[in-house]
Amino acid sequence: MMQRMGLSMEGIPNVEEVIIRTSTKEIIVENPEVAALDLHGQKIFQVTGQITEKKIEKKMEIPEEDVRLVADQTSKSMEEAQKALEETGGDLAKAILLLQAKG
């Protein structure tokens, strides 16, 4: 009946792990059973298994010239300036004030 409707379904053997990655997390399916459904050339996957989630922490990319500016303005190291910029979300003025307040 499925073939008459243009559907075909088959299991995918030996799948070890399925990872679904979004901008904020990873959904990891361990020991999955995966079936692929072909509907007129369009693939649909059915995945079952044990799920774990992991948050993704993206490290902010701070331009080197910003780090150098903060370091020069505060007489701090490049590492300290980088850390201050990360803490302040890349805000130059806040990073400078933060480092100046620390002395």
PDB file of N, CA and C in Angstrom:
ATOM      1  N   MET A   1       0.820  -1.189   0.000  1.00  0.00           N
ATOM      2  CA  MET A   1       0.000   0.000   0.000  1.00  0.00           C
ATOM      3  C   MET A   1       0.868   1.260   0.000  1.00  0.00           C
ATOM      4  N   MET A   2       1.968   1.224   0.802  1.00  0.00           N
ATOM      5  CA  MET A   2       2.846   2.384   0.861  1.00  0.00           C
ATOM      6  C   MET A   2       3.503   2.652  -0.496  1.00  0.00           C
ATOM      7  N   GLN A   3       3.853   1.571  -1.203  1.00  0.00           N
ATOM      8  CA  GLN A   3       4.492   1.748  -2.502  1.00  0.00           C
ATOM      9  C   GLN A   3       3.525   2.355  -3.514  1.00  0.00           C
ATOM     10  N   ARG A   4       2.248   2.001  -3.425  1.00  0.00           N
ATOM     11  CA  ARG A   4       1.250   2.583  -4.333  1.00  0.00           C
ATOM     12  C   ARG A   4       1.105   4.087  -4.093  1.00  0.00           C
ATOM     13  N   MET A   5       1.366   4.528  -2.860  1.00  0.00           N
ATOM     14  CA  MET A   5       1.260   5.948  -2.538  1.00  0.00           C
ATOM     15  C   MET A   5       2.583   6.684  -2.801  1.00  0.00           C
ATOM     16  N   GLY A   6       3.580   5.980  -3.290  1.00  0.00           N
ATOM     17  CA  GLY A   6       4.870   6.591  -3.572  1.00  0.00           C
ATOM     18  C   GLY A   6       5.782   6.664  -2.355  1.00  0.00           C
ATOM     19  N   LEU A   7       5.506   5.826  -1.353  1.00  0.00           N
ATOM     20  CA  LEU A   7       6.297   5.805  -0.127  1.00  0.00           C
ATOM     21  C   LEU A   7       7.166   4.560  -0.075  1.00  0.00           C
ATOM     22  N   SER A   8       8.367   4.723   0.419  1.00  0.00           N
ATOM     23  CA  SER A   8       9.176   3.553   0.723  1.00  0.00           C
ATOM     24  C   SER A   8       9.895   3.845   2.028  1.00  0.00           C
ATOM     25  N   MET A   9      10.029   2.805   2.852  1.00  0.00           N
ATOM     26  CA  MET A   9      10.637   2.976   4.167  1.00  0.00           C
ATOM     27  C   MET A   9      11.653   1.878   4.390  1.00  0.00           C
ATOM     28  N   GLU A  10      12.821   2.276   4.894  1.00  0.00           N
ATOM     29  CA  GLU A  10      13.837   1.281   5.215  1.00  0.00           C
ATOM     30  C   GLU A  10      14.635   1.742   6.425  1.00  0.00           C
ATOM     31  N   GLY A  11      15.059   0.779   7.213  1.00  0.00           N
ATOM     32  CA  GLY A  11      15.886   1.079   8.374  1.00  0.00           C
ATOM     33  C   GLY A  11      17.311   1.363   7.950  1.00  0.00           C
ATOM     34  N   ILE A  12      17.991   2.187   8.721  1.00  0.00           N
ATOM     35  CA  ILE A  12      19.394   2.474   8.457  1.00  0.00           C
ATOM     36  C   ILE A  12      20.195   1.717   9.509  1.00  0.00           C
ATOM     37  N   PRO A  13      20.992   0.731   9.102  1.00  0.00           N
ATOM     38  CA  PRO A  13      21.716  -0.100  10.069  1.00  0.00           C
ATOM     39  C   PRO A  13      22.962   0.583  10.612  1.00  0.00           C
ATOM     40  N   ASN A  14      23.393   0.129  11.783  1.00  0.00           N
ATOM     41  CA  ASN A  14      24.661   0.507  12.410  1.00  0.00           C
ATOM     42  C   ASN A  14      24.801   1.988  12.748  1.00  0.00           C
ATOM     43  N   VAL A  15      23.690   2.678  13.019  1.00  0.00           N
ATOM     44  CA  VAL A  15      23.773   4.081  13.426  1.00  0.00           C
ATOM     45  C   VAL A  15      24.200   4.110  14.887  1.00  0.00           C
ATOM     46  N   GLU A  16      25.235   4.853  15.197  1.00  0.00           N
ATOM     47  CA  GLU A  16      25.766   4.907  16.554  1.00  0.00           C
ATOM     48  C   GLU A  16      25.226   6.091  17.351  1.00  0.00           C
ATOM     49  N   GLU A  17      24.980   7.217  16.661  1.00  0.00           N
ATOM     50  CA  GLU A  17      24.563   8.418  17.366  1.00  0.00           C
ATOM     51  C   GLU A  17      23.939   9.379  16.362  1.00  0.00           C
ATOM     52  N   VAL A  18      22.927  10.116  16.820  1.00  0.00           N
ATOM     53  CA  VAL A  18      22.315  11.162  16.008  1.00  0.00           C
ATOM     54  C   VAL A  18      22.407  12.453  16.811  1.00  0.00           C
ATOM     55  N   ILE A  19      22.896  13.509  16.180  1.00  0.00           N
ATOM     56  CA  ILE A  19      23.018  14.802  16.850  1.00  0.00           C
ATOM     57  C   ILE A  19      22.205  15.827  16.079  1.00  0.00           C
ATOM     58  N   ILE A  20      21.316  16.511  16.810  1.00  0.00           N
ATOM     59  CA  ILE A  20      20.557  17.612  16.241  1.00  0.00           C
ATOM     60  C   ILE A  20      21.116  18.866  16.896  1.00  0.00           C
ATOM     61  N   ARG A  21      21.694  19.749  16.094  1.00  0.00           N
ATOM     62  CA  ARG A  21      22.361  20.936  16.631  1.00  0.00           C
ATOM     63  C   ARG A  21      21.556  22.178  16.279  1.00  0.00           C
ATOM     64  N   THR A  22      21.190  22.952  17.319  1.00  0.00           N
ATOM     65  CA  THR A  22      20.537  24.241  17.113  1.00  0.00           C
ATOM     66  C   THR A  22      21.537  25.324  17.508  1.00  0.00           C
ATOM     67  N   SER A  23      21.110  26.569  17.464  1.00  0.00           N
ATOM     68  CA  SER A  23      22.029  27.650  17.816  1.00  0.00           C
ATOM     69  C   SER A  23      22.323  27.692  19.310  1.00  0.00           C
ATOM     70  N   THR A  24      21.495  27.045  20.128  1.00  0.00           N
ATOM     71  CA  THR A  24      21.673  27.117  21.580  1.00  0.00           C
ATOM     72  C   THR A  24      21.929  25.779  22.258  1.00  0.00           C
ATOM     73  N   LYS A  25      21.661  24.661  21.571  1.00  0.00           N
ATOM     74  CA  LYS A  25      21.848  23.365  22.221  1.00  0.00           C
ATOM     75  C   LYS A  25      22.074  22.256  21.204  1.00  0.00           C
ATOM     76  N   GLU A  26      22.522  21.129  21.724  1.00  0.00           N
ATOM     77  CA  GLU A  26      22.646  19.898  20.949  1.00  0.00           C
ATOM     78  C   GLU A  26      21.733  18.865  21.573  1.00  0.00           C
ATOM     79  N   ILE A  27      20.969  18.178  20.746  1.00  0.00           N
ATOM     80  CA  ILE A  27      20.142  17.067  21.191  1.00  0.00           C
ATOM     81  C   ILE A  27      20.837  15.814  20.677  1.00  0.00           C
ATOM     82  N   ILE A  28      21.272  14.968  21.612  1.00  0.00           N
ATOM     83  CA  ILE A  28      22.040  13.785  21.249  1.00  0.00           C
ATOM     84  C   ILE A  28      21.176  12.556  21.490  1.00  0.00           C
ATOM     85  N   VAL A  29      20.998  11.766  20.440  1.00  0.00           N
ATOM     86  CA  VAL A  29      20.230  10.528  20.541  1.00  0.00           C
ATOM     87  C   VAL A  29      21.219   9.381  20.506  1.00  0.00           C
ATOM     88  N   GLU A  30      21.325   8.680  21.642  1.00  0.00           N
ATOM     89  CA  GLU A  30      22.267   7.571  21.746  1.00  0.00           C
ATOM     90  C   GLU A  30      21.548   6.259  21.484  1.00  0.00           C
ATOM     91  N   ASN A  31      22.271   5.306  20.946  1.00  0.00           N
ATOM     92  CA  ASN A  31      21.725   4.002  20.565  1.00  0.00           C
ATOM     93  C   ASN A  31      20.438   4.163  19.760  1.00  0.00           C
ATOM     94  N   PRO A  32      20.485   4.971  18.694  1.00  0.00           N
ATOM     95  CA  PRO A  32      19.249   5.251  17.964  1.00  0.00           C
ATOM     96  C   PRO A  32      18.845   4.138  17.007  1.00  0.00           C
ATOM     97  N   GLU A  33      17.565   4.110  16.771  1.00  0.00           N
ATOM     98  CA  GLU A  33      17.024   3.324  15.670  1.00  0.00           C
ATOM     99  C   GLU A  33      16.516   4.345  14.677  1.00  0.00           C
ATOM    100  N   VAL A  34      17.019   4.266  13.454  1.00  0.00           N
ATOM    101  CA  VAL A  34      16.694   5.266  12.451  1.00  0.00           C
ATOM    102  C   VAL A  34      16.041   4.595  11.252  1.00  0.00           C
ATOM    103  N   ALA A  35      14.919   5.167  10.843  1.00  0.00           N
ATOM    104  CA  ALA A  35      14.234   4.708   9.646  1.00  0.00           C
ATOM    105  C   ALA A  35      14.137   5.889   8.692  1.00  0.00           C
ATOM    106  N   ALA A  36      14.356   5.620   7.415  1.00  0.00           N
ATOM    107  CA  ALA A  36      14.258   6.659   6.392  1.00  0.00           C
ATOM    108  C   ALA A  36      13.024   6.389   5.552  1.00  0.00           C
ATOM    109  N   LEU A  37      12.203   7.392   5.434  1.00  0.00           N
ATOM    110  CA  LEU A  37      10.981   7.318   4.644  1.00  0.00           C
ATOM    111  C   LEU A  37      11.215   8.152   3.396  1.00  0.00           C
ATOM    112  N   ASP A  38      11.000   7.582   2.228  1.00  0.00           N
ATOM    113  CA  ASP A  38      11.173   8.312   0.981  1.00  0.00           C
ATOM    114  C   ASP A  38       9.797   8.609   0.419  1.00  0.00           C
ATOM    115  N   LEU A  39       9.478   9.887   0.338  1.00  0.00           N
ATOM    116  CA  LEU A  39       8.183  10.318  -0.159  1.00  0.00           C
ATOM    117  C   LEU A  39       8.412  11.158  -1.401  1.00  0.00           C
ATOM    118  N   HIS A  40       8.305  10.520  -2.556  1.00  0.00           N
ATOM    119  CA  HIS A  40       8.501  11.185  -3.847  1.00  0.00           C
ATOM    120  C   HIS A  40       9.832  11.932  -3.897  1.00  0.00           C
ATOM    121  N   GLY A  41      10.899  11.287  -3.455  1.00  0.00           N
ATOM    122  CA  GLY A  41      12.234  11.871  -3.504  1.00  0.00           C
ATOM    123  C   GLY A  41      12.599  12.719  -2.290  1.00  0.00           C
ATOM    124  N   GLN A  42      11.656  12.978  -1.420  1.00  0.00           N
ATOM    125  CA  GLN A  42      11.917  13.737  -0.194  1.00  0.00           C
ATOM    126  C   GLN A  42      12.157  12.741   0.934  1.00  0.00           C
ATOM    127  N   LYS A  43      13.268  12.910   1.666  1.00  0.00           N
ATOM    128  CA  LYS A  43      13.596  11.990   2.759  1.00  0.00           C
ATOM    129  C   LYS A  43      13.041  12.513   4.074  1.00  0.00           C
ATOM    130  N   ILE A  44      12.413  11.629   4.822  1.00  0.00           N
ATOM    131  CA  ILE A  44      11.925  11.909   6.165  1.00  0.00           C
ATOM    132  C   ILE A  44      12.572  10.865   7.071  1.00  0.00           C
ATOM    133  N   PHE A  45      13.185  11.334   8.170  1.00  0.00           N
ATOM    134  CA  PHE A  45      13.860  10.414   9.074  1.00  0.00           C
ATOM    135  C   PHE A  45      13.076  10.293  10.374  1.00  0.00           C
ATOM    136  N   GLN A  46      12.935   9.072  10.826  1.00  0.00           N
ATOM    137  CA  GLN A  46      12.317   8.800  12.118  1.00  0.00           C
ATOM    138  C   GLN A  46      13.424   8.265  13.021  1.00  0.00           C
ATOM    139  N   VAL A  47      13.622   8.944  14.156  1.00  0.00           N
ATOM    140  CA  VAL A  47      14.708   8.593  15.065  1.00  0.00           C
ATOM    141  C   VAL A  47      14.129   8.315  16.442  1.00  0.00           C
ATOM    142  N   THR A  48      14.487   7.176  17.018  1.00  0.00           N
ATOM    143  CA  THR A  48      14.099   6.862  18.394  1.00  0.00           C
ATOM    144  C   THR A  48      15.348   6.442  19.151  1.00  0.00           C
ATOM    145  N   GLY A  49      15.357   6.716  20.445  1.00  0.00           N
ATOM    146  CA  GLY A  49      16.496   6.342  21.270  1.00  0.00           C
ATOM    147  C   GLY A  49      16.547   7.171  22.532  1.00  0.00           C
ATOM    148  N   GLN A  50      17.634   7.039  23.276  1.00  0.00           N
ATOM    149  CA  GLN A  50      17.821   7.769  24.526  1.00  0.00           C
ATOM    150  C   GLN A  50      18.357   9.163  24.222  1.00  0.00           C
ATOM    151  N   ILE A  51      17.674  10.183  24.754  1.00  0.00           N
ATOM    152  CA  ILE A  51      18.012  11.564  24.433  1.00  0.00           C
ATOM    153  C   ILE A  51      18.717  12.252  25.602  1.00  0.00           C
ATOM    154  N   THR A  52      19.778  12.987  25.275  1.00  0.00           N
ATOM    155  CA  THR A  52      20.406  13.902  26.230  1.00  0.00           C
ATOM    156  C   THR A  52      20.553  15.241  25.521  1.00  0.00           C
ATOM    157  N   GLU A  53      20.508  16.314  26.310  1.00  0.00           N
ATOM    158  CA  GLU A  53      20.664  17.652  25.750  1.00  0.00           C
ATOM    159  C   GLU A  53      21.886  18.320  26.352  1.00  0.00           C
ATOM    160  N   LYS A  54      22.550  19.124  25.536  1.00  0.00           N
ATOM    161  CA  LYS A  54      23.728  19.834  25.980  1.00  0.00           C
ATOM    162  C   LYS A  54      23.650  21.261  25.449  1.00  0.00           C
ATOM    163  N   LYS A  55      23.793  22.243  26.362  1.00  0.00           N
ATOM    164  CA  LYS A  55      23.788  23.645  25.954  1.00  0.00           C
ATOM    165  C   LYS A  55      25.075  23.972  25.214  1.00  0.00           C
ATOM    166  N   ILE A  56      24.947  24.813  24.219  1.00  0.00           N
ATOM    167  CA  ILE A  56      26.114  25.260  23.466  1.00  0.00           C
ATOM    168  C   ILE A  56      26.460  26.664  23.952  1.00  0.00           C
ATOM    169  N   GLU A  57      27.691  26.812  24.374  1.00  0.00           N
ATOM    170  CA  GLU A  57      28.171  28.133  24.774  1.00  0.00           C
ATOM    171  C   GLU A  57      29.106  28.624  23.688  1.00  0.00           C
ATOM    172  N   LYS A  58      28.629  29.620  22.975  1.00  0.00           N
ATOM    173  CA  LYS A  58      29.459  30.174  21.914  1.00  0.00           C
ATOM    174  C   LYS A  58      30.351  31.254  22.484  1.00  0.00           C
ATOM    175  N   LYS A  59      31.626  31.112  22.228  1.00  0.00           N
ATOM    176  CA  LYS A  59      32.576  32.100  22.694  1.00  0.00           C
ATOM    177  C   LYS A  59      32.501  33.302  21.763  1.00  0.00           C
ATOM    178  N   MET A  60      32.364  34.452  22.375  1.00  0.00           N
ATOM    179  CA  MET A  60      32.262  35.688  21.616  1.00  0.00           C
ATOM    180  C   MET A  60      33.581  35.973  20.906  1.00  0.00           C
ATOM    181  N   GLU A  61      33.500  36.353  19.644  1.00  0.00           N
ATOM    182  CA  GLU A  61      34.700  36.691  18.893  1.00  0.00           C
ATOM    183  C   GLU A  61      34.948  38.188  19.033  1.00  0.00           C
ATOM    184  N   ILE A  62      36.027  38.530  19.693  1.00  0.00           N
ATOM    185  CA  ILE A  62      36.387  39.917  19.940  1.00  0.00           C
ATOM    186  C   ILE A  62      37.545  40.267  19.001  1.00  0.00           C
ATOM    187  N   PRO A  63      37.398  41.336  18.208  1.00  0.00           N
ATOM    188  CA  PRO A  63      38.500  41.732  17.314  1.00  0.00           C
ATOM    189  C   PRO A  63      39.768  42.070  18.107  1.00  0.00           C
ATOM    190  N   GLU A  64      40.898  41.693  17.573  1.00  0.00           N
ATOM    191  CA  GLU A  64      42.172  41.911  18.259  1.00  0.00           C
ATOM    192  C   GLU A  64      42.429  43.395  18.504  1.00  0.00           C
ATOM    193  N   GLU A  65      41.987  44.245  17.575  1.00  0.00           N
ATOM    194  CA  GLU A  65      42.208  45.684  17.764  1.00  0.00           C
ATOM    195  C   GLU A  65      41.426  46.224  18.965  1.00  0.00           C
ATOM    196  N   ASP A  66      40.261  45.628  19.257  1.00  0.00           N
ATOM    197  CA  ASP A  66      39.501  46.014  20.452  1.00  0.00           C
ATOM    198  C   ASP A  66      40.244  45.594  21.715  1.00  0.00           C
ATOM    199  N   VAL A  67      40.798  44.393  21.693  1.00  0.00           N
ATOM    200  CA  VAL A  67      41.556  43.896  22.847  1.00  0.00           C
ATOM    201  C   VAL A  67      42.764  44.790  23.081  1.00  0.00           C
ATOM    202  N   ARG A  68      43.466  45.125  22.001  1.00  0.00           N
ATOM    203  CA  ARG A  68      44.659  45.973  22.114  1.00  0.00           C
ATOM    204  C   ARG A  68      44.299  47.360  22.650  1.00  0.00           C
ATOM    205  N   LEU A  69      43.171  47.923  22.187  1.00  0.00           N
ATOM    206  CA  LEU A  69      42.742  49.240  22.657  1.00  0.00           C
ATOM    207  C   LEU A  69      42.458  49.228  24.158  1.00  0.00           C
ATOM    208  N   VAL A  70      41.733  48.219  24.619  1.00  0.00           N
ATOM    209  CA  VAL A  70      41.413  48.110  26.045  1.00  0.00           C
ATOM    210  C   VAL A  70      42.687  47.903  26.854  1.00  0.00           C
ATOM    211  N   ALA A  71      43.586  47.069  26.376  1.00  0.00           N
ATOM    212  CA  ALA A  71      44.847  46.819  27.080  1.00  0.00           C
ATOM    213  C   ALA A  71      45.668  48.106  27.165  1.00  0.00           C
ATOM    214  N   ASP A  72      45.734  48.861  26.061  1.00  0.00           N
ATOM    215  CA  ASP A  72      46.504  50.114  26.051  1.00  0.00           C
ATOM    216  C   ASP A  72      45.894  51.158  26.987  1.00  0.00           C
ATOM    217  N   GLN A  73      44.585  51.254  26.990  1.00  0.00           N
ATOM    218  CA  GLN A  73      43.904  52.265  27.802  1.00  0.00           C
ATOM    219  C   GLN A  73      43.981  51.974  29.305  1.00  0.00           C
ATOM    220  N   THR A  74      44.157  50.719  29.646  1.00  0.00           N
ATOM    221  CA  THR A  74      44.136  50.332  31.063  1.00  0.00           C
ATOM    222  C   THR A  74      45.488  49.865  31.587  1.00  0.00           C
ATOM    223  N   SER A  75      46.459  49.794  30.716  1.00  0.00           N
ATOM    224  CA  SER A  75      47.792  49.268  31.067  1.00  0.00           C
ATOM    225  C   SER A  75      47.708  47.842  31.615  1.00  0.00           C
ATOM    226  N   LYS A  76      46.775  47.071  31.094  1.00  0.00           N
ATOM    227  CA  LYS A  76      46.616  45.662  31.475  1.00  0.00           C
ATOM    228  C   LYS A  76      47.113  44.775  30.345  1.00  0.00           C
ATOM    229  N   SER A  77      47.225  43.495  30.628  1.00  0.00           N
ATOM    230  CA  SER A  77      47.678  42.546  29.611  1.00  0.00           C
ATOM    231  C   SER A  77      46.568  42.293  28.588  1.00  0.00           C
ATOM    232  N   MET A  78      46.971  41.735  27.459  1.00  0.00           N
ATOM    233  CA  MET A  78      46.006  41.385  26.412  1.00  0.00           C
ATOM    234  C   MET A  78      45.003  40.349  26.939  1.00  0.00           C
ATOM    235  N   GLU A  79      45.478  39.426  27.769  1.00  0.00           N
ATOM    236  CA  GLU A  79      44.596  38.395  28.320  1.00  0.00           C
ATOM    237  C   GLU A  79      43.541  39.010  29.237  1.00  0.00           C
ATOM    238  N   GLU A  80      43.974  39.961  30.081  1.00  0.00           N
ATOM    239  CA  GLU A  80      43.027  40.628  30.980  1.00  0.00           C
ATOM    240  C   GLU A  80      42.013  41.447  30.186  1.00  0.00           C
ATOM    241  N   ALA A  81      42.483  42.106  29.136  1.00  0.00           N
ATOM    242  CA  ALA A  81      41.593  42.901  28.289  1.00  0.00           C
ATOM    243  C   ALA A  81      40.587  41.995  27.572  1.00  0.00           C
ATOM    244  N   GLN A  82      41.054  40.856  27.075  1.00  0.00           N
ATOM    245  CA  GLN A  82      40.178  39.896  26.394  1.00  0.00           C
ATOM    246  C   GLN A  82      39.083  39.422  27.341  1.00  0.00           C
ATOM    247  N   LYS A  83      39.473  39.064  28.552  1.00  0.00           N
ATOM    248  CA  LYS A  83      38.514  38.575  29.542  1.00  0.00           C
ATOM    249  C   LYS A  83      37.486  39.654  29.890  1.00  0.00           C
ATOM    250  N   ALA A  84      37.933  40.882  30.059  1.00  0.00           N
ATOM    251  CA  ALA A  84      37.023  41.982  30.384  1.00  0.00           C
ATOM    252  C   ALA A  84      36.034  42.226  29.243  1.00  0.00           C
ATOM    253  N   LEU A  85      36.506  42.146  28.014  1.00  0.00           N
ATOM    254  CA  LEU A  85      35.616  42.324  26.866  1.00  0.00           C
ATOM    255  C   LEU A  85      34.581  41.203  26.777  1.00  0.00           C
ATOM    256  N   GLU A  86      34.999  39.983  27.080  1.00  0.00           N
ATOM    257  CA  GLU A  86      34.052  38.862  27.090  1.00  0.00           C
ATOM    258  C   GLU A  86      33.001  39.053  28.175  1.00  0.00           C
ATOM    259  N   GLU A  87      33.438  39.514  29.358  1.00  0.00           N
ATOM    260  CA  GLU A  87      32.515  39.733  30.478  1.00  0.00           C
ATOM    261  C   GLU A  87      31.499  40.824  30.177  1.00  0.00           C
ATOM    262  N   THR A  88      31.897  41.821  29.377  1.00  0.00           N
ATOM    263  CA  THR A  88      31.018  42.958  29.097  1.00  0.00           C
ATOM    264  C   THR A  88      30.333  42.851  27.739  1.00  0.00           C
ATOM    265  N   GLY A  89      30.400  41.677  27.139  1.00  0.00           N
ATOM    266  CA  GLY A  89      29.725  41.472  25.856  1.00  0.00           C
ATOM    267  C   GLY A  89      30.333  42.268  24.713  1.00  0.00           C
ATOM    268  N   GLY A  90      31.626  42.573  24.823  1.00  0.00           N
ATOM    269  CA  GLY A  90      32.325  43.284  23.760  1.00  0.00           C
ATOM    270  C   GLY A  90      32.232  44.792  23.857  1.00  0.00           C
ATOM    271  N   ASP A  91      31.637  45.309  24.931  1.00  0.00           N
ATOM    272  CA  ASP A  91      31.488  46.756  25.121  1.00  0.00           C
ATOM    273  C   ASP A  91      32.824  47.347  25.576  1.00  0.00           C
ATOM    274  N   LEU A  92      33.438  48.164  24.709  1.00  0.00           N
ATOM    275  CA  LEU A  92      34.769  48.716  24.991  1.00  0.00           C
ATOM    276  C   LEU A  92      34.776  49.591  26.241  1.00  0.00           C
ATOM    277  N   ALA A  93      33.838  50.505  26.334  1.00  0.00           N
ATOM    278  CA  ALA A  93      33.814  51.435  27.478  1.00  0.00           C
ATOM    279  C   ALA A  93      33.617  50.683  28.793  1.00  0.00           C
ATOM    280  N   LYS A  94      32.699  49.728  28.805  1.00  0.00           N
ATOM    281  CA  LYS A  94      32.449  48.958  30.033  1.00  0.00           C
ATOM    282  C   LYS A  94      33.676  48.134  30.414  1.00  0.00           C
ATOM    283  N   ALA A  95      34.344  47.571  29.417  1.00  0.00           N
ATOM    284  CA  ALA A  95      35.534  46.768  29.682  1.00  0.00           C
ATOM    285  C   ALA A  95      36.639  47.641  30.285  1.00  0.00           C
ATOM    286  N   ILE A  96      36.820  48.839  29.752  1.00  0.00           N
ATOM    287  CA  ILE A  96      37.836  49.757  30.284  1.00  0.00           C
ATOM    288  C   ILE A  96      37.496  50.136  31.723  1.00  0.00           C
ATOM    289  N   LEU A  97      36.225  50.490  31.961  1.00  0.00           N
ATOM    290  CA  LEU A  97      35.803  50.853  33.323  1.00  0.00           C
ATOM    291  C   LEU A  97      35.972  49.685  34.297  1.00  0.00           C
ATOM    292  N   LEU A  98      35.653  48.496  33.840  1.00  0.00           N
ATOM    293  CA  LEU A  98      35.793  47.296  34.677  1.00  0.00           C
ATOM    294  C   LEU A  98      37.235  47.093  35.101  1.00  0.00           C
ATOM    295  N   LEU A  99      38.148  47.209  34.170  1.00  0.00           N
ATOM    296  CA  LEU A  99      39.568  47.006  34.479  1.00  0.00           C
ATOM    297  C   LEU A  99      40.129  48.147  35.336  1.00  0.00           C
ATOM    298  N   GLN A 100      39.668  49.360  35.087  1.00  0.00           N
ATOM    299  CA  GLN A 100      40.124  50.477  35.902  1.00  0.00           C
ATOM    300  C   GLN A 100      39.624  50.348  37.347  1.00  0.00           C
ATOM    301  N   ALA A 101      38.411  49.813  37.511  1.00  0.00           N
ATOM    302  CA  ALA A 101      37.861  49.641  38.851  1.00  0.00           C
ATOM    303  C   ALA A 101      38.621  48.571  39.619  1.00  0.00           C
ATOM    304  N   LYS A 102      39.161  47.598  38.902  1.00  0.00           N
ATOM    305  CA  LYS A 102      39.944  46.542  39.565  1.00  0.00           C
ATOM    306  C   LYS A 102      41.317  47.033  39.995  1.00  0.00           C
ATOM    307  N   GLY A 103      41.735  48.154  39.405  1.00  0.00           N
ATOM    308  CA  GLY A 103      43.010  48.746  39.809  1.00  0.00           C
ATOM    309  C   GLY A 103      44.165  48.244  39.103  1.00  0.00           C
TER     310      GLY A 103
END
